Amino acid sequence: MPIEYLPILILLVIGAVFAVIALAVPALFGPKRTPKARLEPYESGMLPYGDARRRFPVHFYVVAVLFILFDIEVIFLYPWAVVLRQLKLFGLIEMAVFFVILLVGFGYVWRKGALDW
């Protein structure tokens, strides 16, 4: 039985050897000096200004998370539509409950102003 795991062991050893080689070769043959420009913080080609801990609006993040949330919920419609004839009235009621929950969440987000620009 342990002989069946030999290919996995060989794969792990080859992967570990490759990782060590990939880390060791640049360390041995790469440049040893660190230029001054490499030590400076860099953001999109612009020199940084001000404090790095300044506050920034999270509105774009909230909109993106809400988009992903509602997009994933809509993905559940496809499997439901495929088996709708098999589920009959039960499936229709369950999807109605799902839509009500989805619309309540959407209404809450809209009322809180998370979608206002």
C-alpha atoms as a PDB file:
ATOM      1  CA  MET A   1       0.000   0.000   0.000  1.00  0.00           C
ATOM      2  CA  PRO A   2       2.730   2.589   0.765  1.00  0.00           C
ATOM      3  CA  ILE A   3       4.237   1.955  -2.688  1.00  0.00           C
ATOM      4  CA  GLU A   4       1.108   3.523  -4.211  1.00  0.00           C
ATOM      5  CA  TYR A   5       2.077   6.851  -2.666  1.00  0.00           C
ATOM      6  CA  LEU A   6       5.525   6.844  -4.274  1.00  0.00           C
ATOM      7  CA  PRO A   7       4.527   9.064  -7.246  1.00  0.00           C
ATOM      8  CA  ILE A   8       3.135  11.663  -4.843  1.00  0.00           C
ATOM      9  CA  LEU A   9       6.348  11.569  -2.810  1.00  0.00           C
ATOM     10  CA  ILE A  10       8.426  11.982  -5.972  1.00  0.00           C
ATOM     11  CA  LEU A  11       6.270  14.938  -7.034  1.00  0.00           C
ATOM     12  CA  LEU A  12       6.687  16.594  -3.629  1.00  0.00           C
ATOM     13  CA  VAL A  13      10.461  16.095  -3.691  1.00  0.00           C
ATOM     14  CA  ILE A  14      10.748  17.492  -7.226  1.00  0.00           C
ATOM     15  CA  GLY A  15       8.595  20.475  -6.231  1.00  0.00           C
ATOM     16  CA  ALA A  16      10.688  21.162  -3.125  1.00  0.00           C
ATOM     17  CA  VAL A  17      13.950  20.891  -5.076  1.00  0.00           C
ATOM     18  CA  PHE A  18      12.621  23.241  -7.749  1.00  0.00           C
ATOM     19  CA  ALA A  19      11.534  25.765  -5.083  1.00  0.00           C
ATOM     20  CA  VAL A  20      14.940  25.680  -3.398  1.00  0.00           C
ATOM     21  CA  ILE A  21      16.717  26.124  -6.729  1.00  0.00           C
ATOM     22  CA  ALA A  22      14.392  28.975  -7.725  1.00  0.00           C
ATOM     23  CA  LEU A  23      15.210  30.798  -4.476  1.00  0.00           C
ATOM     24  CA  ALA A  24      18.927  29.967  -4.286  1.00  0.00           C
ATOM     25  CA  VAL A  25      20.031  30.811  -7.840  1.00  0.00           C
ATOM     26  CA  PRO A  26      18.997  34.499  -7.763  1.00  0.00           C
ATOM     27  CA  ALA A  27      20.415  34.878  -4.254  1.00  0.00           C
ATOM     28  CA  LEU A  28      23.771  33.470  -5.374  1.00  0.00           C
ATOM     29  CA  PHE A  29      24.109  35.102  -8.787  1.00  0.00           C
ATOM     30  CA  GLY A  30      21.971  38.221  -8.510  1.00  0.00           C
ATOM     31  CA  PRO A  31      23.250  41.747  -7.806  1.00  0.00           C
ATOM     32  CA  LYS A  32      24.353  42.358  -4.242  1.00  0.00           C
ATOM     33  CA  ARG A  33      23.937  46.127  -4.098  1.00  0.00           C
ATOM     34  CA  THR A  34      20.599  47.740  -3.355  1.00  0.00           C
ATOM     35  CA  PRO A  35      20.011  51.006  -5.236  1.00  0.00           C
ATOM     36  CA  LYS A  36      18.639  53.961  -3.302  1.00  0.00           C
ATOM     37  CA  ALA A  37      15.546  54.178  -5.495  1.00  0.00           C
ATOM     38  CA  ARG A  38      14.586  50.617  -4.605  1.00  0.00           C
ATOM     39  CA  LEU A  39      14.382  51.478  -0.915  1.00  0.00           C
ATOM     40  CA  GLU A  40      11.892  54.306  -1.471  1.00  0.00           C
ATOM     41  CA  PRO A  41       8.155  53.683  -1.334  1.00  0.00           C
ATOM     42  CA  TYR A  42       6.653  53.614  -4.800  1.00  0.00           C
ATOM     43  CA  GLU A  43       3.048  53.874  -5.915  1.00  0.00           C
ATOM     44  CA  SER A  44       2.000  53.967  -9.559  1.00  0.00           C
ATOM     45  CA  GLY A  45       5.086  55.852 -10.674  1.00  0.00           C
ATOM     46  CA  MET A  46       4.429  58.775  -8.338  1.00  0.00           C
ATOM     47  CA  LEU A  47       6.457  59.797  -5.333  1.00  0.00           C
ATOM     48  CA  PRO A  48       4.446  59.438  -2.140  1.00  0.00           C
ATOM     49  CA  TYR A  49       3.332  62.495  -0.230  1.00  0.00           C
ATOM     50  CA  GLY A  50       1.838  62.924   3.199  1.00  0.00           C
ATOM     51  CA  ASP A  51       1.230  60.312   5.834  1.00  0.00           C
ATOM     52  CA  ALA A  52       0.654  56.748   4.704  1.00  0.00           C
ATOM     53  CA  ARG A  53      -1.996  56.318   7.403  1.00  0.00           C
ATOM     54  CA  ARG A  54      -4.391  58.943   6.058  1.00  0.00           C
ATOM     55  CA  ARG A  55      -8.073  58.125   5.893  1.00  0.00           C
ATOM     56  CA  PHE A  56      -9.682  57.366   2.579  1.00  0.00           C
ATOM     57  CA  PRO A  57     -13.296  56.773   1.600  1.00  0.00           C
ATOM     58  CA  VAL A  58     -14.363  53.161   1.439  1.00  0.00           C
ATOM     59  CA  HIS A  59     -17.391  53.868  -0.744  1.00  0.00           C
ATOM     60  CA  PHE A  60     -15.872  52.187  -3.797  1.00  0.00           C
ATOM     61  CA  TYR A  61     -15.059  49.112  -1.725  1.00  0.00           C
ATOM     62  CA  VAL A  62     -18.609  48.922  -0.383  1.00  0.00           C
ATOM     63  CA  VAL A  63     -20.096  49.218  -3.878  1.00  0.00           C
ATOM     64  CA  ALA A  64     -17.760  46.487  -5.169  1.00  0.00           C
ATOM     65  CA  VAL A  65     -18.656  44.137  -2.316  1.00  0.00           C
ATOM     66  CA  LEU A  66     -22.360  44.772  -2.841  1.00  0.00           C
ATOM     67  CA  PHE A  67     -21.995  44.120  -6.560  1.00  0.00           C
ATOM     68  CA  ILE A  68     -20.268  40.812  -5.895  1.00  0.00           C
ATOM     69  CA  LEU A  69     -22.856  39.886  -3.265  1.00  0.00           C
ATOM     70  CA  PHE A  70     -25.857  40.539  -5.493  1.00  0.00           C
ATOM     71  CA  ASP A  71     -24.111  39.043  -8.512  1.00  0.00           C
ATOM     72  CA  ILE A  72     -23.471  35.785  -6.674  1.00  0.00           C
ATOM     73  CA  GLU A  73     -27.067  35.695  -5.485  1.00  0.00           C
ATOM     74  CA  VAL A  74     -28.271  36.047  -9.064  1.00  0.00           C
ATOM     75  CA  ILE A  75     -26.075  33.091 -10.051  1.00  0.00           C
ATOM     76  CA  PHE A  76     -28.373  30.895  -7.953  1.00  0.00           C
ATOM     77  CA  LEU A  77     -31.144  31.582 -10.464  1.00  0.00           C
ATOM     78  CA  TYR A  78     -29.607  29.390 -13.165  1.00  0.00           C
ATOM     79  CA  PRO A  79     -29.700  26.040 -11.324  1.00  0.00           C
ATOM     80  CA  TRP A  80     -33.174  26.868 -10.086  1.00  0.00           C
ATOM     81  CA  ALA A  81     -34.362  27.571 -13.635  1.00  0.00           C
ATOM     82  CA  VAL A  82     -32.896  24.277 -14.837  1.00  0.00           C
ATOM     83  CA  VAL A  83     -34.821  22.153 -12.314  1.00  0.00           C
ATOM     84  CA  LEU A  84     -37.941  24.327 -12.036  1.00  0.00           C
ATOM     85  CA  ARG A  85     -40.257  21.739 -13.631  1.00  0.00           C
ATOM     86  CA  GLN A  86     -39.046  19.063 -11.216  1.00  0.00           C
ATOM     87  CA  LEU A  87     -39.479  21.265  -8.146  1.00  0.00           C
ATOM     88  CA  LYS A  88     -42.988  22.419  -9.120  1.00  0.00           C
ATOM     89  CA  LEU A  89     -44.750  24.638  -6.590  1.00  0.00           C
ATOM     90  CA  PHE A  90     -42.222  23.999  -3.808  1.00  0.00           C
ATOM     91  CA  GLY A  91     -39.388  25.378  -5.953  1.00  0.00           C
ATOM     92  CA  LEU A  92     -41.446  28.400  -6.936  1.00  0.00           C
ATOM     93  CA  ILE A  93     -42.241  29.227  -3.313  1.00  0.00           C
ATOM     94  CA  GLU A  94     -38.645  28.762  -2.230  1.00  0.00           C
ATOM     95  CA  MET A  95     -37.423  31.069  -4.995  1.00  0.00           C
ATOM     96  CA  ALA A  96     -40.074  33.620  -4.032  1.00  0.00           C
ATOM     97  CA  VAL A  97     -38.715  33.568  -0.473  1.00  0.00           C
ATOM     98  CA  PHE A  98     -35.203  33.939  -1.879  1.00  0.00           C
ATOM     99  CA  PHE A  99     -36.287  36.945  -3.960  1.00  0.00           C
ATOM    100  CA  VAL A 100     -38.006  38.563  -0.999  1.00  0.00           C
ATOM    101  CA  ILE A 101     -34.840  38.231   1.094  1.00  0.00           C
ATOM    102  CA  LEU A 102     -32.804  39.586  -1.820  1.00  0.00           C
ATOM    103  CA  LEU A 103     -35.130  42.547  -2.307  1.00  0.00           C
ATOM    104  CA  VAL A 104     -35.195  43.332   1.417  1.00  0.00           C
ATOM    105  CA  GLY A 105     -31.392  43.421   1.423  1.00  0.00           C
ATOM    106  CA  PHE A 106     -31.323  45.553  -1.712  1.00  0.00           C
ATOM    107  CA  GLY A 107     -33.882  47.945  -0.233  1.00  0.00           C
ATOM    108  CA  TYR A 108     -31.864  48.215   2.971  1.00  0.00           C
ATOM    109  CA  VAL A 109     -28.681  49.003   1.055  1.00  0.00           C
ATOM    110  CA  TRP A 110     -30.473  51.526  -1.112  1.00  0.00           C
ATOM    111  CA  ARG A 111     -32.153  53.214   1.873  1.00  0.00           C
ATOM    112  CA  LYS A 112     -28.823  53.488   3.722  1.00  0.00           C
ATOM    113  CA  GLY A 113     -27.397  55.300   0.678  1.00  0.00           C
ATOM    114  CA  ALA A 114     -24.637  52.810  -0.068  1.00  0.00           C
ATOM    115  CA  LEU A 115     -25.388  53.043  -3.781  1.00  0.00           C
ATOM    116  CA  ASP A 116     -25.456  56.862  -3.971  1.00  0.00           C
ATOM    117  CA  TRP A 117     -22.554  58.508  -5.684  1.00  0.00           C
END
